[in-house]
Amino acid sequence: MAESVNLWAADGAFTARHKYVAYIVFDVVLGRPYQWCDSRVQWKQSEGLKIQYGGKRETELAAAWIPACGLLEGTGLDHPARSTWSDMSGPGVPGKGRLPFGVANESAGRIDVDWWSWVFWMVTRLEEYNASDAAFDGMGRFQAAASMAYSENWLLRPEVEVRIRAWASSVGIMPRSCSYKVNPTIDVDSAYAYRHRSALRTAGATVKDILTGSRIRLAERWRVLALGKPDPYDTYDWLESVHAAHGLQARYFFLLANRGPNDRPVDWRQPGMKALVHRLSQSAKVGIHPGVASHDSSHAEKLKMEIVRLEEISKMPVHNARQHYLLQRLPASWRRLAEVGIRHDHSLGYADSIGFRAGMSRPFRAFDASSNRPLELTIHPVSAMDATLNCYMKLSPNQALDSLEELAHEVKAVDGELTLLWHNETVSECEEWIGWRMVYEQVFERVC
């Protein structure tokens, strides 16, 4: 095992993009120390493993070599080599299967791969920057089915981590020992079905139920408000008991936006809503759930307002966020969150499929490829969401459990992190969620 790793960009000075990929490879995935060498002389004289990126391979130094296609040396948002695919396997391709950003190796008669450019393209989500309108759904979300990871069957494993670890093994680098983690997270879109709403709102909802013939909701509202029965969305004690049974601490993201077409929270000023935030803060972590209106706004004032509301209620600074509906338009979404002081975003997942949008299970620092700089924002990838399993993939509860167990197996293989996104109402046994409480009750027995 090499004691030190020495990097040299043979085609010129190392750029912000070079440094970012090295950060992903060595800091995030492998946990190994490394250094950039300013010159060939310094690199040649360094002790330990030598890694050459670009240029003509220095065969006499027995260095590990990665060919360069040019993406990392420039500032562009695309590169012709993206359409060139490597051979399926071989000494120039880490892991199993082909990769884009192929580079012809004429002396060996094969196509190697600039896999560092592929890592940059995947992790920064450069794929989404100039994607066609057809790649986005009606809410403006990039769809899993439009991704290369989907078409190449990478989506259900953290492919970037898999490939990096395969390369590390081939050059004698052992990843730092770390533990597989499971992270439960809960989005609170509508904290209560009936309680803690204004008299006007309750009256309006009752009239609507009468006009639409919703007898079940009318009866349930009567039992909750008049007879004191539990609110069906008040599942928090049960959720916390599940987390405690497995030694886990969850994070709850609260929607505190103004009411609108896509944002329908319990009013943040309601005493019951404030009490809920205080109560959950005692056993769990909390974050803001920015609404659709604030995400789509041309300025950040609405987002700042929602953050201030949670800070006023929780009496704590708010640095964690997850966008409502997993809205992400890159790089604008990341840039705005960083600008308003959010330091951890938990939105990077797909609505239409489980899996790994950036090929990563671990948290990593965001990079704005358009301005060519890292952001003061850490991205925490989402592996699976309850609505994805039920509403998009149309799985049964048992099928969902099997799929989550398979996902966990892939994450365990890289000692990564499995982050699950659930909602308080989806364990309520109401409407389309009948039969789904058992999924959350059993999932941690299957994935931990």
Protein backbone atom coordinates (compact mmCIF):
# COMPACT_ATOMS: atom_id res chain seq x y z
CA MET A 1 0.00 0.00 0.00
CA ALA A 2 1.43 3.38 -1.02
CA GLU A 3 2.06 5.71 1.89
CA SER A 4 1.58 8.87 -0.15
CA VAL A 5 -0.04 9.83 -3.44
CA ASN A 6 1.58 12.40 -5.71
CA LEU A 7 -0.41 13.93 -8.57
CA TRP A 8 0.88 15.72 -11.65
CA ALA A 9 -1.11 17.32 -14.45
CA ALA A 10 1.19 16.73 -17.41
CA ASP A 11 -0.67 19.01 -19.83
CA GLY A 12 -0.11 22.14 -17.73
CA ALA A 13 -0.95 23.61 -14.36
CA PHE A 14 -3.67 21.81 -12.44
CA THR A 15 -7.02 23.60 -12.61
CA ALA A 16 -9.99 23.99 -10.27
CA ARG A 17 -11.54 21.01 -12.05
CA HIS A 18 -8.46 18.85 -11.52
CA LYS A 19 -8.49 19.73 -7.83
CA TYR A 20 -12.19 19.00 -7.51
CA VAL A 21 -11.93 15.53 -9.04
CA ALA A 22 -8.94 14.74 -6.82
CA TYR A 23 -11.05 15.85 -3.85
CA ILE A 24 -13.83 13.44 -4.86
CA VAL A 25 -11.44 10.56 -5.50
CA PHE A 26 -9.10 10.87 -2.53
CA ASP A 27 -10.90 12.90 0.14
CA VAL A 28 -14.47 11.70 -0.30
CA VAL A 29 -14.27 8.14 -1.63
CA LEU A 30 -10.86 6.78 -0.65
CA GLY A 31 -10.03 8.88 2.40
CA ARG A 32 -6.34 8.92 1.45
CA PRO A 33 -3.86 11.83 1.68
CA TYR A 34 -2.44 13.21 -1.55
CA GLN A 35 -0.60 16.19 -2.95
CA TRP A 36 -0.38 18.04 -6.25
CA CYS A 37 3.10 18.53 -7.62
CA ASP A 38 3.86 21.86 -9.26
CA SER A 39 6.35 20.44 -11.73
CA ARG A 40 7.51 17.25 -13.34
CA VAL A 41 10.77 17.51 -11.39
CA GLN A 42 8.96 17.68 -8.04
CA TRP A 43 6.68 14.85 -9.06
CA LYS A 44 9.56 12.70 -10.29
CA GLN A 45 11.47 13.17 -7.03
CA SER A 46 8.46 12.53 -4.79
CA GLU A 47 8.24 9.29 -2.84
CA GLY A 48 5.22 7.05 -2.91
CA LEU A 49 2.67 6.40 -5.63
CA LYS A 50 2.94 8.68 -8.65
CA ILE A 51 -0.19 9.46 -10.67
CA GLN A 52 0.08 11.22 -14.00
CA TYR A 53 -3.00 12.88 -15.46
CA GLY A 54 -2.72 13.62 -19.18
CA GLY A 55 0.28 13.93 -21.44
CA LYS A 56 2.36 11.08 -22.78
CA ARG A 57 2.71 8.30 -20.26
CA GLU A 58 5.99 8.37 -18.27
CA THR A 59 6.57 4.62 -18.47
CA GLU A 60 10.03 4.68 -16.90
CA LEU A 61 8.63 5.97 -13.59
CA ALA A 62 6.05 3.17 -13.21
CA ALA A 63 3.46 5.85 -12.62
CA ALA A 64 -0.29 5.28 -12.72
CA TRP A 65 -1.54 7.12 -15.80
CA ILE A 66 -4.95 8.59 -16.67
CA PRO A 67 -5.34 9.97 -20.19
CA ALA A 68 -6.84 13.46 -20.58
CA CYS A 69 -9.50 14.42 -23.11
CA GLY A 70 -9.38 18.15 -22.34
CA LEU A 71 -12.54 18.72 -20.31
CA LEU A 72 -10.72 19.39 -17.04
CA GLU A 73 -8.17 21.72 -18.60
CA GLY A 74 -10.87 24.03 -19.98
CA THR A 75 -13.99 25.80 -18.76
CA GLY A 76 -16.54 24.41 -21.20
CA LEU A 77 -19.71 22.59 -20.23
CA ASP A 78 -19.33 19.80 -22.76
CA HIS A 79 -16.60 18.03 -24.71
CA PRO A 80 -16.62 15.93 -27.90
CA ALA A 81 -15.01 13.00 -26.06
CA ARG A 82 -18.25 12.48 -24.15
CA SER A 83 -19.56 10.70 -27.24
CA THR A 84 -16.52 8.42 -27.47
CA TRP A 85 -16.82 5.26 -25.45
CA SER A 86 -14.01 3.21 -24.02
CA ASP A 87 -13.57 -0.49 -24.56
CA MET A 88 -15.70 -2.61 -22.27
CA SER A 89 -12.83 -3.52 -19.96
CA GLY A 90 -9.07 -3.68 -19.74
CA PRO A 91 -6.16 -1.89 -18.07
CA GLY A 92 -7.38 1.51 -19.26
CA VAL A 93 -10.94 1.16 -17.89
CA PRO A 94 -11.60 1.08 -14.13
CA GLY A 95 -14.17 -1.44 -13.04
CA LYS A 96 -16.47 -3.34 -15.37
CA GLY A 97 -18.16 -1.97 -18.46
CA ARG A 98 -17.55 0.90 -20.84
CA LEU A 99 -17.36 4.58 -19.95
CA PRO A 100 -17.66 7.80 -21.97
CA PHE A 101 -14.79 10.25 -22.52
CA GLY A 102 -12.83 7.62 -24.37
CA VAL A 103 -9.26 8.39 -25.51
CA ALA A 104 -7.63 6.40 -28.29
CA ASN A 105 -4.54 4.46 -27.20
CA GLU A 106 -2.98 3.81 -30.60
CA SER A 107 0.12 2.04 -29.30
CA ALA A 108 -2.01 -0.51 -27.45
CA GLY A 109 -4.74 -0.67 -30.09
CA ARG A 110 -7.57 0.16 -27.71
CA ILE A 111 -9.70 3.01 -26.38
CA ASP A 112 -8.87 3.97 -22.81
CA VAL A 113 -10.94 6.41 -20.80
CA ASP A 114 -10.42 9.76 -19.17
CA TRP A 115 -12.41 8.56 -16.20
CA TRP A 116 -11.57 11.69 -14.25
CA SER A 117 -13.62 13.70 -16.76
CA TRP A 118 -16.43 11.18 -16.35
CA VAL A 119 -16.30 11.60 -12.56
CA PHE A 120 -16.47 15.39 -12.99
CA TRP A 121 -19.38 15.09 -15.43
CA MET A 122 -21.31 12.79 -13.12
CA VAL A 123 -20.72 14.43 -9.76
CA THR A 124 -21.20 18.04 -10.85
CA ARG A 125 -24.30 16.89 -12.78
CA LEU A 126 -22.94 18.50 -15.91
CA GLU A 127 -25.25 16.08 -17.72
CA GLU A 128 -28.19 18.25 -16.65
CA TYR A 129 -26.81 21.67 -17.55
CA ASN A 130 -27.71 21.66 -21.23
CA ALA A 131 -30.17 18.80 -21.35
CA SER A 132 -33.09 19.05 -23.75
CA ASP A 133 -36.56 19.99 -22.54
CA ALA A 134 -37.66 16.38 -23.03
CA ALA A 135 -35.35 15.33 -20.19
CA PHE A 136 -37.44 17.26 -17.64
CA ASP A 137 -40.88 16.48 -16.25
CA GLY A 138 -43.81 18.85 -15.85
CA MET A 139 -42.31 20.33 -12.69
CA GLY A 140 -38.96 20.97 -14.35
CA ARG A 141 -37.18 18.03 -12.72
CA PHE A 142 -34.51 16.11 -14.60
CA GLN A 143 -35.81 12.57 -15.00
CA ALA A 144 -33.89 9.42 -14.17
CA ALA A 145 -35.00 7.84 -17.44
CA ALA A 146 -33.17 10.61 -19.34
CA SER A 147 -29.86 9.95 -17.60
CA MET A 148 -26.87 8.02 -18.88
CA ALA A 149 -26.82 6.11 -15.61
CA TYR A 150 -30.26 4.75 -16.43
CA SER A 151 -29.42 3.79 -20.01
CA GLU A 152 -26.13 2.15 -18.95
CA ASN A 153 -27.67 0.31 -15.96
CA TRP A 154 -25.55 2.20 -13.40
CA LEU A 155 -28.41 3.91 -11.61
CA LEU A 156 -29.02 1.34 -8.89
CA ARG A 157 -25.44 1.41 -7.60
CA PRO A 158 -23.13 4.27 -6.62
CA GLU A 159 -21.16 3.84 -9.84
CA VAL A 160 -18.66 6.64 -9.27
CA GLU A 161 -17.63 5.14 -5.95
CA VAL A 162 -17.54 1.64 -7.44
CA ARG A 163 -15.23 2.73 -10.28
CA ILE A 164 -12.93 4.78 -8.05
CA ARG A 165 -12.47 1.89 -5.65
CA ALA A 166 -11.81 -0.50 -8.55
CA TRP A 167 -9.10 1.84 -9.87
CA ALA A 168 -7.61 2.25 -6.39
CA SER A 169 -7.33 -1.51 -6.01
CA SER A 170 -5.56 -1.79 -9.36
CA VAL A 171 -2.85 0.71 -8.31
CA GLY A 172 -2.41 -0.50 -4.75
CA ILE A 173 -4.39 2.09 -2.81
CA MET A 174 -6.48 0.82 0.09
CA PRO A 175 -9.48 2.99 1.02
CA ARG A 176 -9.56 4.30 4.55
CA SER A 177 -11.69 2.09 6.76
CA CYS A 178 -15.15 3.55 7.27
CA SER A 179 -18.57 2.27 8.25
CA TYR A 180 -21.69 1.87 6.17
CA LYS A 181 -24.44 4.25 7.35
CA VAL A 182 -28.21 4.44 7.08
CA ASN A 183 -29.76 7.91 7.26
CA PRO A 184 -33.53 8.19 7.81
CA THR A 185 -35.02 11.53 6.76
CA ILE A 186 -38.63 12.68 6.94
CA ASP A 187 -40.27 15.43 4.88
CA VAL A 188 -43.13 17.15 6.67
CA ASP A 189 -45.21 18.59 3.83
CA SER A 190 -48.47 18.56 5.76
CA ALA A 191 -47.86 18.12 9.47
CA TYR A 192 -51.48 17.28 10.30
CA ALA A 193 -54.48 16.21 8.25
CA TYR A 194 -57.07 18.07 10.34
CA ARG A 195 -55.64 19.54 13.53
CA HIS A 196 -53.98 22.92 13.98
CA ARG A 197 -55.71 24.57 11.05
CA SER A 198 -57.66 27.80 11.20
CA ALA A 199 -61.45 27.73 11.54
CA LEU A 200 -61.76 29.25 8.08
CA ARG A 201 -59.50 26.61 6.53
CA THR A 202 -61.36 23.80 8.32
CA ALA A 203 -64.72 25.16 7.19
CA GLY A 204 -63.55 25.43 3.60
CA ALA A 205 -62.18 21.88 3.61
CA THR A 206 -65.43 20.57 5.10
CA VAL A 207 -67.52 22.27 2.40
CA LYS A 208 -65.22 20.85 -0.29
CA ASP A 209 -65.62 17.33 1.12
CA ILE A 210 -69.41 17.74 1.13
CA LEU A 211 -69.46 18.96 -2.48
CA THR A 212 -67.17 16.16 -3.67
CA GLY A 213 -68.92 13.46 -1.64
CA SER A 214 -65.83 12.60 0.41
CA ARG A 215 -67.69 10.83 3.19
CA ILE A 216 -64.62 9.10 4.58
CA ARG A 217 -62.78 12.39 5.08
CA LEU A 218 -65.87 14.03 6.57
CA ALA A 219 -66.23 11.23 9.10
CA GLU A 220 -62.54 11.21 9.90
CA ARG A 221 -62.44 14.98 10.38
CA TRP A 222 -65.39 14.72 12.78
CA ARG A 223 -63.73 11.96 14.81
CA VAL A 224 -60.48 13.94 15.10
CA LEU A 225 -61.85 17.42 15.78
CA ALA A 226 -65.04 16.61 17.69
CA LEU A 227 -64.26 13.31 19.38
CA GLY A 228 -60.55 13.81 20.06
CA LYS A 229 -59.29 10.88 18.02
CA PRO A 230 -55.65 10.98 16.85
CA ASP A 231 -54.89 12.91 13.68
CA PRO A 232 -53.88 10.34 11.02
CA TYR A 233 -50.81 12.36 9.99
CA ASP A 234 -49.56 12.63 13.57
CA THR A 235 -47.21 9.68 13.20
CA TYR A 236 -44.17 11.29 14.80
CA ASP A 237 -44.06 9.29 18.04
CA TRP A 238 -44.33 6.08 16.05
CA LEU A 239 -41.59 7.17 13.64
CA GLU A 240 -39.29 8.10 16.50
CA SER A 241 -39.92 4.75 18.18
CA VAL A 242 -38.83 2.97 14.99
CA HIS A 243 -35.67 5.08 14.76
CA ALA A 244 -34.85 4.54 18.43
CA ALA A 245 -35.29 0.78 18.10
CA HIS A 246 -32.49 0.73 15.52
CA GLY A 247 -30.24 3.30 17.17
CA LEU A 248 -30.84 5.86 14.42
CA GLN A 249 -31.40 9.61 14.51
CA ALA A 250 -33.61 11.08 11.82
CA ARG A 251 -33.72 14.54 10.27
CA TYR A 252 -37.10 16.20 9.68
CA PHE A 253 -37.53 18.83 6.97
CA PHE A 254 -40.42 21.24 7.61
CA LEU A 255 -42.39 22.98 4.88
CA LEU A 256 -43.05 26.50 6.19
CA ALA A 257 -43.89 28.21 2.89
CA ASN A 258 -46.90 30.41 2.25
CA ARG A 259 -49.83 28.40 1.01
CA GLY A 260 -49.99 28.02 -2.78
CA PRO A 261 -50.86 25.60 -5.59
CA ASN A 262 -47.97 23.24 -4.75
CA ASP A 263 -47.27 24.26 -1.15
CA ARG A 264 -49.95 23.25 1.37
CA PRO A 265 -48.39 23.23 4.83
CA VAL A 266 -50.00 23.74 8.19
CA ASP A 267 -49.53 27.44 8.91
CA TRP A 268 -46.19 27.95 10.66
CA ARG A 269 -47.79 30.38 13.13
CA GLN A 270 -50.13 27.74 14.56
CA PRO A 271 -49.12 26.85 18.15
CA GLY A 272 -49.44 23.14 17.36
CA MET A 273 -46.99 23.46 14.50
CA LYS A 274 -44.47 25.29 16.65
CA ALA A 275 -44.87 22.69 19.39
CA LEU A 276 -44.18 19.90 16.90
CA VAL A 277 -40.90 21.47 15.78
CA HIS A 278 -39.83 21.91 19.40
CA ARG A 279 -40.79 18.35 20.28
CA LEU A 280 -38.92 16.72 17.42
CA SER A 281 -35.87 18.90 18.01
CA GLN A 282 -35.38 17.03 21.29
CA SER A 283 -34.79 13.63 19.67
CA ALA A 284 -34.03 14.40 16.02
CA LYS A 285 -32.39 16.96 13.74
CA VAL A 286 -34.41 19.49 11.75
CA GLY A 287 -34.05 21.36 8.48
CA ILE A 288 -36.04 23.58 6.14
CA HIS A 289 -38.12 22.19 3.27
CA PRO A 290 -38.13 25.10 0.79
CA GLY A 291 -41.40 25.38 -1.08
CA VAL A 292 -42.01 25.30 -4.81
CA ALA A 293 -42.74 29.02 -4.90
CA SER A 294 -39.43 29.92 -3.27
CA HIS A 295 -37.51 27.56 -5.54
CA ASP A 296 -39.12 29.03 -8.66
CA SER A 297 -38.83 32.65 -7.53
CA SER A 298 -36.49 34.95 -9.42
CA HIS A 299 -34.94 36.10 -6.15
CA ALA A 300 -34.09 34.52 -2.80
CA GLU A 301 -36.35 36.54 -0.50
CA LYS A 302 -39.01 33.85 -0.16
CA LEU A 303 -36.39 31.23 0.65
CA LYS A 304 -34.79 33.49 3.25
CA MET A 305 -38.22 34.09 4.80
CA GLU A 306 -38.85 30.36 5.20
CA ILE A 307 -35.44 29.83 6.78
CA VAL A 308 -36.06 32.67 9.24
CA ARG A 309 -39.39 31.12 10.22
CA LEU A 310 -37.75 27.84 11.18
CA GLU A 311 -34.98 29.65 13.03
CA GLU A 312 -37.56 31.62 15.02
CA ILE A 313 -39.44 28.45 15.95
CA SER A 314 -36.47 26.19 16.65
CA LYS A 315 -34.27 28.88 18.23
CA MET A 316 -31.36 27.42 16.24
CA PRO A 317 -29.53 28.42 13.05
CA VAL A 318 -30.74 26.52 9.99
CA HIS A 319 -28.06 25.11 7.68
CA ASN A 320 -29.84 22.02 6.26
CA ALA A 321 -32.42 21.97 3.48
CA ARG A 322 -34.32 19.66 1.18
CA GLN A 323 -36.29 21.13 -1.70
CA HIS A 324 -40.01 20.32 -1.88
CA TYR A 325 -40.66 17.74 -4.64
CA LEU A 326 -36.87 17.27 -4.90
CA LEU A 327 -36.67 20.32 -7.15
CA GLN A 328 -33.16 20.82 -8.50
CA ARG A 329 -32.18 22.95 -11.50
CA LEU A 330 -28.43 23.03 -11.70
CA PRO A 331 -26.34 24.94 -10.98
CA ALA A 332 -28.87 27.62 -9.99
CA SER A 333 -30.46 25.65 -7.12
CA TRP A 334 -27.12 24.88 -5.48
CA ARG A 335 -25.88 28.42 -5.98
CA ARG A 336 -28.94 29.97 -4.35
CA LEU A 337 -28.86 27.67 -1.33
CA ALA A 338 -25.20 28.52 -0.72
CA GLU A 339 -25.93 32.24 -1.06
CA VAL A 340 -28.57 32.20 1.70
CA GLY A 341 -26.39 30.29 4.16
CA ILE A 342 -27.59 26.72 3.65
CA ARG A 343 -24.55 24.49 4.05
CA HIS A 344 -26.09 21.04 3.54
CA ASP A 345 -28.58 20.14 0.82
CA HIS A 346 -30.40 16.80 0.88
CA SER A 347 -32.31 17.06 -2.43
CA LEU A 348 -30.14 15.17 -4.92
CA GLY A 349 -32.31 12.23 -5.86
CA TYR A 350 -34.84 11.32 -8.52
CA ALA A 351 -38.61 11.39 -8.17
CA ASP A 352 -39.19 8.77 -10.89
CA SER A 353 -36.63 6.17 -9.79
CA ILE A 354 -34.60 5.09 -6.81
CA GLY A 355 -30.82 5.11 -7.23
CA PHE A 356 -27.85 7.44 -7.32
CA ARG A 357 -28.27 10.58 -9.40
CA ALA A 358 -24.61 11.58 -9.17
CA GLY A 359 -23.25 8.04 -8.88
CA MET A 360 -22.50 8.86 -5.23
CA SER A 361 -23.92 7.65 -1.93
CA ARG A 362 -21.56 9.73 0.21
CA PRO A 363 -21.89 13.46 0.89
CA PHE A 364 -19.68 15.68 -1.24
CA ARG A 365 -19.06 19.39 -1.76
CA ALA A 366 -20.96 20.98 -4.64
CA PHE A 367 -19.15 22.42 -7.66
CA ASP A 368 -20.59 25.07 -9.97
CA ALA A 369 -19.21 24.09 -13.38
CA SER A 370 -20.47 27.25 -15.07
CA SER A 371 -18.44 29.53 -12.79
CA ASN A 372 -15.77 26.85 -12.35
CA ARG A 373 -15.64 26.93 -8.56
CA PRO A 374 -16.60 24.81 -5.55
CA LEU A 375 -19.51 26.06 -3.45
CA GLU A 376 -19.90 26.31 0.31
CA LEU A 377 -22.52 23.59 0.12
CA THR A 378 -22.34 19.87 0.88
CA ILE A 379 -24.63 17.60 -1.12
CA HIS A 380 -26.17 14.60 0.67
CA PRO A 381 -27.52 12.22 -2.02
CA VAL A 382 -30.96 10.66 -1.60
CA SER A 383 -31.07 6.95 -2.44
CA ALA A 384 -34.81 6.28 -2.33
CA MET A 385 -38.11 8.06 -1.64
CA ASP A 386 -41.38 6.48 -0.52
CA ALA A 387 -43.42 8.20 -3.26
CA THR A 388 -40.98 6.93 -5.87
CA LEU A 389 -41.53 3.35 -4.83
CA ASN A 390 -45.31 3.59 -4.60
CA CYS A 391 -46.49 6.28 -7.00
CA TYR A 392 -43.84 6.24 -9.74
CA MET A 393 -42.44 2.71 -9.80
CA LYS A 394 -45.80 1.18 -8.77
CA LEU A 395 -44.19 -1.37 -6.46
CA SER A 396 -46.08 -3.31 -3.82
CA PRO A 397 -44.90 -2.93 -0.21
CA ASN A 398 -43.03 -6.25 -0.37
CA GLN A 399 -41.44 -5.35 -3.71
CA ALA A 400 -40.37 -2.02 -2.24
CA LEU A 401 -38.65 -3.77 0.66
CA ASP A 402 -36.81 -6.09 -1.71
CA SER A 403 -35.68 -3.14 -3.85
CA LEU A 404 -34.41 -1.23 -0.83
CA GLU A 405 -32.51 -4.27 0.40
CA GLU A 406 -30.83 -4.61 -3.00
CA LEU A 407 -29.94 -0.92 -2.94
CA ALA A 408 -28.45 -1.31 0.53
CA HIS A 409 -26.34 -4.23 -0.71
CA GLU A 410 -24.75 -1.97 -3.35
CA VAL A 411 -24.04 0.77 -0.81
CA LYS A 412 -22.56 -1.66 1.69
CA ALA A 413 -20.14 -2.84 -1.01
CA VAL A 414 -18.53 0.63 -1.06
CA ASP A 415 -18.96 1.37 2.69
CA GLY A 416 -21.24 4.24 1.70
CA GLU A 417 -24.38 5.90 3.02
CA LEU A 418 -27.97 4.89 2.33
CA THR A 419 -30.27 7.89 2.74
CA LEU A 420 -34.00 7.20 2.78
CA LEU A 421 -36.67 9.88 2.27
CA TRP A 422 -40.07 9.27 3.85
CA HIS A 423 -43.07 11.43 4.78
CA ASN A 424 -45.09 11.51 7.98
CA GLU A 425 -48.35 10.87 6.10
CA THR A 426 -47.10 7.83 4.17
CA VAL A 427 -47.08 5.71 7.33
CA SER A 428 -50.62 6.85 8.21
CA GLU A 429 -52.37 3.89 6.51
CA CYS A 430 -54.55 6.41 4.65
CA GLU A 431 -55.75 6.21 1.06
CA GLU A 432 -52.97 5.13 -1.36
CA TRP A 433 -50.68 4.43 1.60
CA ILE A 434 -52.70 1.59 3.07
CA GLY A 435 -50.28 -1.28 3.69
CA TRP A 436 -47.15 0.89 3.58
CA ARG A 437 -46.57 1.41 7.29
CA MET A 438 -45.03 -2.05 7.47
CA VAL A 439 -42.42 -1.02 4.88
CA TYR A 440 -40.96 1.58 7.20
CA GLU A 441 -41.38 -0.73 10.17
CA GLN A 442 -39.34 -3.46 8.47
CA VAL A 443 -36.95 -1.56 6.22
CA PHE A 444 -34.29 -0.98 8.85
CA GLU A 445 -34.23 -4.68 9.69
CA ARG A 446 -33.44 -5.29 6.01
CA VAL A 447 -30.95 -2.50 5.29
CA CYS A 448 -29.05 -1.87 8.55
